Protein backbone atom coordinates (compact mmCIF):
# COMPACT_ATOMS: atom_id res chain seq x y z
CA MET A 1 24.56 72.96 -3.47
CA PRO A 2 22.71 69.82 -4.22
CA LEU A 3 21.04 67.34 -2.13
CA HIS A 4 20.75 63.24 -2.52
CA ILE A 5 18.64 60.59 -1.50
CA THR A 6 19.92 56.90 -0.35
CA LYS A 7 17.45 54.13 -1.48
CA VAL A 8 18.56 49.97 -0.58
CA ALA A 9 19.31 47.84 -3.55
CA PHE A 10 16.88 45.26 -2.12
CA GLY A 11 17.25 42.05 -3.53
CA HIS A 12 20.37 42.44 -5.07
CA THR A 13 24.08 41.77 -3.52
CA ALA A 14 26.74 42.78 -5.72
CA VAL A 15 26.49 45.88 -7.63
CA GLU A 16 27.16 43.68 -10.87
CA HIS A 17 23.87 42.59 -10.89
CA LEU A 18 21.89 46.40 -9.92
CA ALA A 19 23.79 47.06 -12.65
CA ASP A 20 23.38 44.95 -14.89
CA ARG A 21 19.87 45.02 -13.95
CA LEU A 22 19.54 48.79 -14.48
CA ARG A 23 21.05 48.94 -18.13
CA GLU A 24 18.31 46.40 -19.28
CA ARG A 25 15.16 48.13 -18.10
CA GLY A 26 17.04 51.10 -19.61
CA GLU A 27 17.44 49.60 -22.62
CA GLU A 28 12.69 48.85 -22.51
CA GLY A 29 12.31 52.75 -22.06
CA PRO A 30 12.60 54.57 -19.60
CA LEU A 31 13.26 54.35 -16.53
CA PHE A 32 12.25 55.32 -12.84
CA LEU A 33 11.59 53.36 -9.10
CA THR A 34 7.85 54.98 -7.87
CA THR A 35 7.14 55.81 -4.41
CA ARG A 36 4.43 56.07 -2.00
CA TYR A 37 5.06 60.30 -1.38
CA LEU A 38 6.97 63.25 -3.53
CA PRO A 39 10.05 63.59 -1.36
CA LYS A 40 9.51 67.43 0.45
CA ARG A 41 12.74 69.50 -1.44
CA HIS A 42 12.36 67.39 -4.38
CA GLU A 43 13.29 70.68 -6.11
CA GLU A 44 16.57 70.45 -4.32
CA ILE A 45 16.85 66.57 -6.16
CA ALA A 46 14.98 67.39 -9.47
CA GLY A 47 18.73 66.73 -12.17
CA GLN A 48 21.63 68.54 -10.25
CA GLY A 49 20.85 65.87 -7.48
CA SER A 50 21.81 61.15 -7.25
CA LEU A 51 20.01 58.60 -5.54
CA PHE A 52 22.42 56.78 -4.01
CA TRP A 53 22.83 52.44 -3.88
CA ILE A 54 23.19 50.80 -0.55
CA ILE A 55 24.32 47.68 -0.95
CA LYS A 56 25.48 45.01 2.34
CA HIS A 57 25.44 48.28 4.49
CA GLN A 58 27.93 50.49 2.17
CA LEU A 59 26.78 53.20 0.00
CA VAL A 60 28.68 52.56 -3.60
CA ALA A 61 27.00 53.34 -6.42
CA ARG A 62 25.33 56.21 -8.04
CA SER A 63 22.58 56.94 -10.45
CA PRO A 64 21.45 60.32 -11.31
CA ILE A 65 17.84 61.73 -11.23
CA LEU A 66 16.57 63.45 -14.07
CA GLY A 67 13.04 64.26 -12.41
CA PHE A 68 10.26 63.20 -10.86
CA GLY A 69 6.35 62.74 -12.53
CA GLU A 70 3.18 60.80 -12.16
CA ALA A 71 3.43 56.53 -11.75
CA GLU A 72 0.32 54.63 -12.38
CA GLY A 73 -1.60 54.66 -9.04
CA GLY A 74 -0.67 58.17 -7.82
CA ARG A 75 2.63 56.97 -6.78
CA VAL A 76 5.40 59.05 -7.52
CA ALA A 77 8.27 58.22 -10.61
CA ILE A 78 12.00 58.97 -9.24
CA HIS A 79 13.74 59.02 -13.29
CA ILE A 80 17.12 58.10 -13.13
CA ASP A 81 19.70 57.64 -15.35
CA PRO A 82 19.95 53.86 -16.36
CA VAL A 83 23.70 54.03 -16.04
CA LEU A 84 25.09 53.09 -12.59
CA ARG A 85 28.44 55.23 -11.19
CA MET A 86 30.91 53.69 -8.47
CA VAL A 87 31.36 56.57 -5.93
CA ALA A 88 33.89 55.30 -3.06
CA ALA A 89 32.81 52.94 -0.91
CA ARG A 90 30.80 54.20 2.65
CA PRO A 91 29.20 52.15 5.25
CA LYS A 92 25.59 53.13 6.00
CA ARG A 93 23.64 51.65 8.07
CA ALA A 94 20.55 50.23 5.50
CA HIS A 95 16.86 51.72 6.39
CA GLN A 96 13.43 51.73 4.84
CA GLY A 97 12.04 54.03 1.93
CA TRP A 98 14.97 56.86 1.17
CA ARG A 99 17.07 59.64 2.99
CA TYR A 100 18.18 63.00 2.12
CA LEU A 101 22.11 62.70 1.93
CA GLU A 102 24.00 66.40 1.58
CA ASP A 103 26.09 66.70 -1.15
CA ALA A 104 28.82 66.99 1.58
CA ASP A 105 27.88 63.77 3.10
CA ALA A 106 28.27 62.30 -0.54
CA PRO A 107 30.58 60.30 -1.21
CA ALA A 108 33.43 61.48 -4.43
CA ASP A 109 32.47 59.49 -7.52
CA LEU A 110 36.07 56.81 -8.91
CA GLY A 111 38.61 57.33 -11.18
CA GLY A 112 37.66 61.02 -11.12
CA ASP A 113 41.16 61.30 -9.98
CA GLY A 114 42.61 59.84 -12.28
CA SER A 115 43.30 56.26 -10.15
CA GLY A 116 42.03 53.93 -13.07
CA MET A 117 39.56 53.16 -10.43
CA ALA A 118 36.54 53.64 -13.15
CA THR A 119 37.67 51.21 -14.98
CA LEU A 120 38.16 48.27 -13.13
CA PRO A 121 34.53 45.50 -13.57
CA PRO A 122 31.99 46.64 -10.29
CA ALA A 123 32.60 42.53 -8.85
CA LEU A 124 36.58 43.74 -8.06
CA LEU A 125 35.48 46.89 -7.05
CA GLY A 126 32.48 45.94 -4.69
CA LYS A 127 35.28 43.33 -3.06
CA LEU A 128 37.77 45.39 -2.92
CA ALA A 129 35.63 47.81 -0.80
CA GLU A 130 33.75 44.78 1.04
CA LEU A 131 37.59 44.63 2.50
CA GLY A 132 38.08 48.14 3.11
CA LEU A 133 39.93 49.17 -0.06
CA VAL A 134 38.67 51.23 -1.43
């Protein structure tokens, strides 16, 4: 089973802003985030896990993690897919850095059940999640 990590989408108050930002950065070249240390369980994450984004104390979306590499200044690059996948919102306290998330505890992707939720605009999905309707 894959292992995932969670991270606060710092500076983003809505999922559509995060989606736009990731898409823009992905057009410029390979998309990656930097961190000080390589996760100890990186082999369980790379190529099969995702980075789950926290916005307003909720897990709202995920970015598949493609792999890990080196970044400037001895930092570690977390290479992610620029296409954001919406997930069923789940409460999650904010934290610094990243935390592990077991696959069994990860929220399900929206739209995989034929409900059509994945076709809704991210802004509407975010509002429905705030209201506790999804």
